[in-house]
Structure formats: C-alpha cells, structure tokens
Amino acid sequence: MGTAFRPGLELARDFHAEAVAPVLGPALAGTPYAAALLGAGSEVQGFDTPRSTDHAWGPRLQVFLAPDAHRAHAAGLTALLDRELPERFHGHPVRFAFPAGTAPRHRVDVLDVTAHFAELLGEVPDGGLSVGGWLGAPWQVLRELTGGAVFHDGTGVLTSYREGLRRYPDQVWRYVLACQWQRLHQEEPFVGRCGEVGDDLGSAVTAARQVRELMRLWLLMHRVHPPYGKWLGTAFAAAPGAAELAPLLSGALAAGGWRERERWLSPAYELVARTHNGLGLTAPLRTDVRPFFERPFLVLGADRFCAALLATVDDPRLAELPPVGSVDQYVDSTDLTAHGFAGRRRRYLARLGGTAG
C-alpha cells in the first residue's frame, strides 16, 4: 500500500520539528537560524496534489543562516544532517535524486539568507526593493520567496525579507497596474478585426491573450503576484470576486466566433473597470464599452485607465518610464523569468541596456 498523500508544507513542517531541529539545536549551540520551505515547487504555493509526488518529492526545507554563521557552519551542518537524518520520514525517502540521474541526497539546504535573496533578486531586500529591483523581479520569483511557510526564525531576518516582498509599494503598484491596462488596450479591437477578415483563429488567439491579461490584472488589482502559466487559473480562482469574472472569461474562450467573443469580453472589461473605480486610485472613469472609432468593434478604451493611473505616479524614477512595466509585462520567456535564471536575467537585461542606441 502506498503512502497516503499529505500536502508538502505539512510534511516539511513535521520534518523540521521531528528530524531536523533536534540535529540543528545542539550543533549550532545557540547560533540563531531560520527554517522554512520556500522556492520552487507546487507545495510552496499550496497547489500540490498526489500528481506532484511523481518526481522530486519528499521531506525537504531550507535552513537559513546569517553570512558569518553560514561560513562557519554550512559545510559541517550539511554533512552532519546527512549522517543523522533517517532513511525515511513518514513513509517518504529522505534522500532522493533530482534531476533524474543525479545522486540521491537529503534536501535540507543550508543557505546564507542574505546571499540567497540577493542572488534571486539582484539586491538585498531590506525593507523591500529599489524601483529597479521591483521591476526586475519576476512575479513567480516573488511568489516563491513569499509563499511556503517559515517553521522557525531565530533572528527575524527571513520573516522581514518576506514581508517586504509581499506587495508592491504604492507607487510601483500604480505604475505596474497602468502598464497592465496598457497591455489590454493594445489588442482590444483585434478580436473583432481578425474575425471580420475571416481570421477566426487569430481572433480566438487574441481573445485568449486578452483573457490572460485580464486574469493577471485582476490579481494585481488585489495585490497578488500572478504566478506563471501552470498555476495562473488556480491562483485567479482563489482571488476575491473571481467567481463573477471567471464565467465571462470562460465564455470568451469557448465562443465560436468574434461576435460571441465580444459579447463575453465586453462585460468582463466593464466588471474589471468597475473594480478599478472601487480601488479609489484615480477619479472614477467610464466603465461602459463603446465602438472603436467608426468600426463595429466594442472596446473599453483601456488606455484611459493607464493614463489615469500614470497621472498619480509622482515618483520621478517611475514617472519618466514608458508604460512598459515589470519584467513579466515585456518578457514572456521562462528562460529569463524562472527561479533559477536570476543571473541570466540580469546579464541579458544589462546587455540590452548596453547595446541600445
């Protein structure tokens, strides 16, 4: 009989309490540490299911130390844990291979808390990030660093870093929201225009793109970092008010022609516009759809929301920027935005900046 499924965060919490903490306490002799399960993995987001257990699954967590303590203790702790941890914990192997073909090892990673966050974000997030740090941080990475759970925090540094990353600061939030409205504006009339010239496939693709941008906007409006594609619908469904918007978006995706797509998208645009007004970030704006110039395509005019939000951004570092936004709003490549590619992302963006002319 197989082991019954338990959510990974529950397994990690018990693993720390019953197997890891009893080893760390005597070994560190009063040196403070933090223990948590953060980073990649569906269990960090609370989205794991029995399917998640088919690879890279088992009791795991991270131990965070201050820089000096990490230099003094990391290697010894890793070896000590390898000697002292059991072969199995609650029915799961403690040592497992990932990626496939590598040697099995325990998954208690001993990390320098400052260096770890700086590596993933490009800077140390004391009190949050700089404007450039916020705009260069992928949403999925922010979710991975603020998701999961902290089981012990002897210094409070890990908790402080995480709290500072949970939400965009007000001015950055307004700017990112404005840029998300701009993304909607760019393709509003194309659902109808593609359909009018007989390109129903293009119309459907455009509608799907608009649906994705509406879902991401909805999450951003509720101050939730949108996840990457695998979990976007799951996170959206858990957001406040999503039950009202979701049927409209599903209808647009299932529609058989551009006019039917428009009949579903129009009330979706209007609902999101009313929600914007409810935030009180700008003066109230008209929320009804209207024809696109003299053409028979209904649009909201999402650029109005972009302009109104940008007018409230008085931080000069943001006010001088074009409405391009955070890295996820202008880069759609996992090879730049995923957790493990922070160095690649910084090198790529720096190279672009250096070759602009």
Protein backbone atom coordinates (compact mmCIF):
# COMPACT_ATOMS: atom_id res chain seq x y z
CA MET A 1 0.00 0.00 0.00
CA GLY A 2 1.39 3.43 -0.95
CA THR A 3 1.84 6.29 1.47
CA ALA A 4 -1.25 8.49 1.76
CA PHE A 5 -0.83 11.93 0.25
CA ARG A 6 -0.07 14.80 2.59
CA PRO A 7 0.47 18.38 1.41
CA GLY A 8 4.17 19.11 1.17
CA LEU A 9 4.06 22.04 3.58
CA GLU A 10 2.61 19.80 6.30
CA LEU A 11 5.28 17.19 5.62
CA ALA A 12 8.04 19.80 5.74
CA ARG A 13 6.74 21.29 8.98
CA ASP A 14 6.81 17.91 10.70
CA PHE A 15 10.18 17.09 9.14
CA HIS A 16 11.68 20.20 10.73
CA ALA A 17 10.10 19.61 14.13
CA GLU A 18 10.80 15.89 14.40
CA ALA A 19 14.01 15.29 12.42
CA VAL A 20 15.87 18.50 11.55
CA ALA A 21 15.51 20.75 14.61
CA PRO A 22 16.82 18.07 17.02
CA VAL A 23 20.03 17.95 14.96
CA LEU A 24 20.41 21.69 14.46
CA GLY A 25 19.90 22.74 18.07
CA PRO A 26 22.93 21.04 19.61
CA ALA A 27 25.09 21.59 16.51
CA LEU A 28 24.54 25.34 16.37
CA ALA A 29 24.84 25.81 20.13
CA GLY A 30 22.75 28.95 20.30
CA THR A 31 23.58 30.36 16.86
CA PRO A 32 20.23 31.60 15.55
CA TYR A 33 18.83 30.13 12.36
CA ALA A 34 15.64 30.12 10.34
CA ALA A 35 13.96 27.10 8.77
CA ALA A 36 11.37 27.29 6.01
CA LEU A 37 10.11 25.75 2.81
CA LEU A 38 10.35 28.39 0.07
CA GLY A 39 11.24 28.46 -3.61
CA ALA A 40 10.16 26.29 -6.50
CA GLY A 41 7.61 23.51 -6.17
CA SER A 42 3.85 23.32 -6.22
CA GLU A 43 3.77 22.61 -2.48
CA VAL A 44 5.26 26.05 -1.80
CA GLN A 45 2.21 27.61 -3.44
CA GLY A 46 -0.16 25.21 -1.67
CA PHE A 47 -1.18 23.78 -5.06
CA ASP A 48 0.30 20.28 -4.74
CA THR A 49 -1.77 17.15 -5.40
CA PRO A 50 -0.94 13.42 -5.50
CA ARG A 51 0.36 14.04 -9.04
CA SER A 52 3.10 16.20 -7.54
CA THR A 53 4.71 13.19 -5.87
CA ASP A 54 5.90 11.55 -9.10
CA HIS A 55 9.30 13.31 -9.07
CA ALA A 56 11.48 15.43 -6.78
CA TRP A 57 9.14 14.71 -3.89
CA GLY A 58 9.89 14.12 -0.27
CA PRO A 59 10.56 15.88 3.02
CA ARG A 60 12.62 18.99 2.32
CA LEU A 61 13.27 22.50 3.59
CA GLN A 62 15.87 25.24 3.77
CA VAL A 63 17.96 26.32 6.76
CA PHE A 64 18.97 29.99 6.64
CA LEU A 65 21.97 31.40 8.49
CA ALA A 66 23.50 34.88 8.72
CA PRO A 67 26.56 35.30 6.45
CA ASP A 68 29.19 34.75 9.16
CA ALA A 69 27.34 31.78 10.61
CA HIS A 70 26.94 30.29 7.16
CA ARG A 71 30.67 30.47 6.50
CA ALA A 72 31.34 28.84 9.86
CA HIS A 73 28.73 26.11 9.87
CA ALA A 74 27.27 25.32 6.41
CA ALA A 75 29.58 22.51 5.33
CA GLY A 76 29.58 20.84 8.74
CA LEU A 77 25.80 21.04 9.09
CA THR A 78 25.22 19.54 5.66
CA ALA A 79 27.47 16.59 6.48
CA LEU A 80 26.00 16.19 9.98
CA LEU A 81 22.46 16.14 8.61
CA ASP A 82 23.50 13.51 6.09
CA ARG A 83 24.75 11.31 8.95
CA GLU A 84 21.87 11.92 11.35
CA LEU A 85 18.74 12.14 9.23
CA PRO A 86 16.74 8.90 8.89
CA GLU A 87 16.41 6.98 5.66
CA ARG A 88 12.66 7.61 5.55
CA PHE A 89 10.32 10.08 7.16
CA HIS A 90 6.57 9.44 7.38
CA GLY A 91 6.90 6.89 4.63
CA HIS A 92 8.90 9.07 2.22
CA PRO A 93 12.59 8.70 1.33
CA VAL A 94 14.67 11.46 2.88
CA ARG A 95 17.32 11.22 0.15
CA PHE A 96 16.16 11.40 -3.44
CA ALA A 97 17.57 12.32 -6.83
CA PHE A 98 16.71 15.48 -8.73
CA PRO A 99 17.25 15.94 -11.60
CA ALA A 100 16.98 12.34 -12.73
CA GLY A 101 20.33 10.63 -12.96
CA THR A 102 21.96 12.61 -10.15
CA ALA A 103 23.00 11.06 -6.86
CA PRO A 104 20.29 10.94 -4.18
CA ARG A 105 20.86 13.37 -1.32
CA HIS A 106 18.94 14.90 1.54
CA ARG A 107 17.09 18.10 0.72
CA VAL A 108 17.89 20.25 3.73
CA ASP A 109 19.73 23.08 2.02
CA VAL A 110 21.85 25.26 4.32
CA LEU A 111 21.86 28.78 2.86
CA ASP A 112 23.20 32.25 3.56
CA VAL A 113 19.95 34.20 3.94
CA THR A 114 21.36 37.47 2.60
CA ALA A 115 23.19 35.92 -0.33
CA HIS A 116 20.21 33.75 -1.29
CA PHE A 117 17.77 36.63 -1.59
CA ALA A 118 20.36 38.85 -3.27
CA GLU A 119 21.10 36.16 -5.85
CA LEU A 120 17.44 35.75 -6.78
CA LEU A 121 16.56 39.44 -6.73
CA GLY A 122 19.78 41.23 -7.59
CA GLU A 123 19.86 43.09 -4.28
CA VAL A 124 19.28 42.54 -0.58
CA PRO A 125 15.60 43.25 0.16
CA ASP A 126 15.98 45.20 3.40
CA GLY A 127 12.60 46.91 3.68
CA GLY A 128 11.67 45.80 0.19
CA LEU A 129 13.48 46.57 -3.06
CA SER A 130 14.58 49.54 -5.09
CA VAL A 131 12.38 50.61 -8.01
CA GLY A 132 14.68 48.76 -10.39
CA GLY A 133 14.66 45.73 -8.14
CA TRP A 134 10.87 45.59 -8.07
CA LEU A 135 10.52 45.96 -11.83
CA GLY A 136 13.21 43.35 -12.47
CA ALA A 137 11.74 40.75 -10.10
CA PRO A 138 9.52 38.18 -11.86
CA TRP A 139 6.15 37.61 -10.26
CA GLN A 140 6.77 33.89 -9.92
CA VAL A 141 10.03 34.52 -8.05
CA LEU A 142 8.25 36.92 -5.70
CA ARG A 143 5.61 34.25 -5.09
CA GLU A 144 8.27 31.63 -4.38
CA LEU A 145 10.06 33.83 -1.87
CA THR A 146 6.87 34.91 -0.07
CA GLY A 147 4.96 31.62 -0.34
CA GLY A 148 5.52 28.43 1.57
CA ALA A 149 5.95 28.63 5.32
CA VAL A 150 8.53 29.59 7.93
CA PHE A 151 8.84 26.99 10.69
CA HIS A 152 11.37 28.82 12.85
CA ASP A 153 13.06 32.21 12.62
CA GLY A 154 15.62 32.86 15.31
CA THR A 155 16.63 36.32 14.09
CA GLY A 156 13.55 37.57 12.25
CA VAL A 157 15.57 38.42 9.13
CA LEU A 158 13.86 35.86 6.90
CA THR A 159 10.42 36.99 8.04
CA SER A 160 11.39 40.62 7.47
CA TYR A 161 12.59 39.95 3.94
CA ARG A 162 9.42 38.06 3.10
CA GLU A 163 7.08 40.70 4.50
CA GLY A 164 8.86 43.38 2.49
CA LEU A 165 8.25 41.45 -0.75
CA ARG A 166 4.59 40.51 -0.37
CA ARG A 167 3.19 43.65 -2.02
CA TYR A 168 4.41 46.27 -4.38
CA PRO A 169 4.91 49.67 -2.74
CA ASP A 170 2.08 52.05 -3.64
CA GLN A 171 3.88 53.96 -6.41
CA VAL A 172 5.28 50.81 -8.05
CA TRP A 173 1.84 49.19 -7.80
CA ARG A 174 0.18 52.09 -9.58
CA TYR A 175 2.79 52.02 -12.34
CA VAL A 176 2.53 48.24 -12.87
CA LEU A 177 -1.27 48.44 -12.90
CA ALA A 178 -1.10 51.21 -15.51
CA CYS A 179 1.15 49.05 -17.68
CA GLN A 180 -1.21 46.11 -17.40
CA TRP A 181 -4.11 48.28 -18.59
CA GLN A 182 -1.90 49.35 -21.49
CA ARG A 183 -1.40 45.72 -22.47
CA LEU A 184 -5.17 45.28 -22.65
CA HIS A 185 -5.55 48.44 -24.72
CA GLN A 186 -3.03 47.28 -27.33
CA GLU A 187 -5.23 44.44 -28.61
CA GLU A 188 -8.81 45.38 -27.64
CA PRO A 189 -10.14 45.82 -31.21
CA PHE A 190 -8.26 42.89 -32.73
CA VAL A 191 -10.74 40.21 -31.66
CA GLY A 192 -13.28 41.81 -33.99
CA ARG A 193 -10.89 42.94 -36.69
CA CYS A 194 -9.39 39.48 -37.12
CA GLY A 195 -12.83 37.94 -37.25
CA GLU A 196 -14.12 40.48 -39.76
CA VAL A 197 -11.47 39.49 -42.31
CA GLY A 198 -12.14 35.77 -41.82
CA ASP A 199 -9.24 35.07 -39.45
CA ASP A 200 -11.19 33.27 -36.76
CA LEU A 201 -8.07 31.57 -35.45
CA GLY A 202 -6.36 34.92 -35.00
CA SER A 203 -9.48 36.26 -33.29
CA ALA A 204 -9.50 33.31 -30.88
CA VAL A 205 -5.79 33.70 -30.10
CA THR A 206 -6.26 37.40 -29.42
CA ALA A 207 -9.24 36.69 -27.17
CA ALA A 208 -7.16 34.18 -25.21
CA ARG A 209 -4.38 36.74 -24.82
CA GLN A 210 -6.90 39.29 -23.53
CA VAL A 211 -8.28 36.74 -21.08
CA ARG A 212 -4.80 36.11 -19.70
CA GLU A 213 -4.13 39.82 -19.31
CA LEU A 214 -7.47 40.31 -17.55
CA MET A 215 -6.67 37.50 -15.12
CA ARG A 216 -3.27 38.97 -14.37
CA LEU A 217 -4.75 42.45 -13.98
CA TRP A 218 -7.36 41.09 -11.57
CA LEU A 219 -4.66 39.53 -9.41
CA LEU A 220 -2.53 42.67 -9.50
CA MET A 221 -5.52 44.78 -8.52
CA HIS A 222 -5.95 42.54 -5.48
CA ARG A 223 -2.23 42.88 -4.71
CA VAL A 224 -1.41 39.28 -5.57
CA HIS A 225 1.71 38.47 -7.59
CA PRO A 226 0.42 36.45 -10.60
CA PRO A 227 2.01 33.00 -10.95
CA TYR A 228 3.34 31.52 -14.16
CA GLY A 229 1.02 29.75 -16.57
CA LYS A 230 0.65 26.40 -14.82
CA TRP A 231 -0.92 27.99 -11.75
CA LEU A 232 -2.46 31.19 -13.16
CA GLY A 233 -6.01 29.82 -13.24
CA THR A 234 -5.68 28.25 -9.82
CA ALA A 235 -4.46 31.47 -8.22
CA PHE A 236 -7.06 33.53 -10.10
CA ALA A 237 -9.90 31.28 -8.89
CA ALA A 238 -8.88 31.95 -5.28
CA ALA A 239 -8.86 35.74 -5.70
CA PRO A 240 -11.71 37.85 -4.27
CA GLY A 241 -14.53 38.32 -6.76
CA ALA A 242 -13.09 35.92 -9.32
CA ALA A 243 -16.27 33.82 -9.30
CA GLU A 244 -18.09 36.69 -11.03
CA LEU A 245 -15.42 37.31 -13.65
CA ALA A 246 -14.45 33.70 -14.42
CA PRO A 247 -17.64 32.70 -16.31
CA LEU A 248 -17.24 35.70 -18.63
CA LEU A 249 -13.65 34.75 -19.42
CA SER A 250 -14.57 31.09 -19.93
CA GLY A 251 -17.36 32.16 -22.26
CA ALA A 252 -14.95 34.20 -24.36
CA LEU A 253 -12.61 31.23 -24.67
CA ALA A 254 -15.38 28.82 -25.64
CA ALA A 255 -17.08 31.18 -28.11
CA GLY A 256 -17.48 30.16 -31.74
CA GLY A 257 -16.94 33.49 -33.46
CA TRP A 258 -15.76 37.05 -32.90
CA ARG A 259 -19.19 38.49 -32.15
CA GLU A 260 -19.80 35.90 -29.46
CA ARG A 261 -16.31 36.51 -28.05
CA GLU A 262 -17.11 40.21 -27.89
CA ARG A 263 -20.41 39.50 -26.08
CA TRP A 264 -18.42 37.77 -23.31
CA LEU A 265 -15.41 40.07 -23.23
CA SER A 266 -17.42 43.31 -23.06
CA PRO A 267 -18.99 42.64 -19.65
CA ALA A 268 -15.63 41.29 -18.45
CA TYR A 269 -13.95 44.59 -19.36
CA GLU A 270 -16.73 46.52 -17.67
CA LEU A 271 -16.51 44.45 -14.47
CA VAL A 272 -12.77 44.96 -14.23
CA ALA A 273 -13.25 48.69 -14.91
CA ARG A 274 -15.79 48.98 -12.09
CA THR A 275 -13.37 47.15 -9.81
CA HIS A 276 -10.69 49.68 -10.70
CA ASN A 277 -13.02 52.50 -9.72
CA GLY A 278 -13.66 50.75 -6.43
CA LEU A 279 -9.97 50.90 -5.58
CA GLY A 280 -10.12 54.68 -5.43
CA LEU A 281 -6.69 55.08 -7.03
CA THR A 282 -7.96 57.57 -9.62
CA ALA A 283 -11.05 59.66 -10.21
CA PRO A 284 -13.91 57.41 -11.40
CA LEU A 285 -13.74 56.55 -15.10
CA ARG A 286 -16.48 55.49 -17.51
CA THR A 287 -16.86 51.74 -17.42
CA ASP A 288 -19.04 51.05 -20.47
CA VAL A 289 -17.75 49.69 -23.75
CA ARG A 290 -18.11 51.77 -26.90
CA PRO A 291 -17.34 51.43 -30.65
CA PHE A 292 -13.73 51.62 -31.77
CA PHE A 293 -13.82 54.81 -33.83
CA GLU A 294 -16.36 54.16 -36.63
CA ARG A 295 -15.73 50.44 -36.67
CA PRO A 296 -18.23 47.86 -35.36
CA PHE A 297 -15.97 46.59 -32.58
CA LEU A 298 -16.73 47.31 -28.93
CA VAL A 299 -13.81 48.33 -26.72
CA LEU A 300 -13.40 49.71 -23.23
CA GLY A 301 -10.61 52.13 -24.05
CA ALA A 302 -8.20 50.64 -21.54
CA ASP A 303 -5.62 53.31 -22.31
CA ARG A 304 -7.78 55.73 -20.28
CA PHE A 305 -7.11 53.67 -17.17
CA CYS A 306 -3.41 53.54 -17.96
CA ALA A 307 -3.23 57.33 -18.34
CA ALA A 308 -5.25 58.00 -15.20
CA LEU A 309 -3.00 55.74 -13.12
CA LEU A 310 0.19 57.19 -14.56
CA ALA A 311 -1.06 60.66 -13.62
CA THR A 312 -0.97 59.55 -9.96
CA VAL A 313 2.64 58.33 -10.16
CA ASP A 314 4.81 61.12 -8.80
CA ASP A 315 7.96 59.13 -8.05
CA PRO A 316 10.34 60.59 -10.67
CA ARG A 317 12.09 57.24 -11.17
CA LEU A 318 8.79 55.78 -12.35
CA ALA A 319 7.22 58.85 -13.92
CA GLU A 320 9.97 59.07 -16.54
CA LEU A 321 9.48 55.46 -17.68
CA PRO A 322 7.37 54.43 -20.68
CA PRO A 323 4.30 52.25 -19.91
CA VAL A 324 6.27 49.00 -20.26
CA GLY A 325 6.19 47.76 -16.68
CA SER A 326 7.78 44.91 -14.79
CA VAL A 327 9.79 42.15 -16.42
CA ASP A 328 6.77 39.85 -16.78
CA GLN A 329 4.96 42.53 -18.77
CA TYR A 330 7.56 42.71 -21.51
CA VAL A 331 9.31 39.33 -21.36
CA ASP A 332 7.44 36.09 -21.90
CA SER A 333 10.30 33.61 -21.65
CA THR A 334 10.70 31.10 -18.87
CA ASP A 335 14.41 31.12 -19.69
CA LEU A 336 14.55 34.60 -18.16
CA THR A 337 11.80 34.69 -15.58
CA ALA A 338 12.14 31.36 -13.78
CA HIS A 339 13.62 30.96 -10.30
CA GLY A 340 16.96 29.55 -11.38
CA PHE A 341 17.78 32.14 -14.04
CA ALA A 342 18.37 35.28 -11.97
CA GLY A 343 21.96 35.69 -13.17
CA ARG A 344 20.98 35.11 -16.79
CA ARG A 345 18.17 37.65 -16.46
CA ARG A 346 20.48 40.34 -15.11
CA ARG A 347 23.13 39.71 -17.76
CA TYR A 348 20.56 39.77 -20.56
CA LEU A 349 18.86 42.97 -19.43
CA ALA A 350 22.21 44.67 -18.79
CA ARG A 351 23.39 43.70 -22.25
CA LEU A 352 20.25 45.16 -23.81
CA GLY A 353 20.85 48.38 -21.93
CA GLY A 354 24.43 48.46 -23.09
CA THR A 355 23.58 47.95 -26.76
CA ALA A 356 20.70 50.41 -27.00
CA GLY A 357 21.45 53.27 -29.34
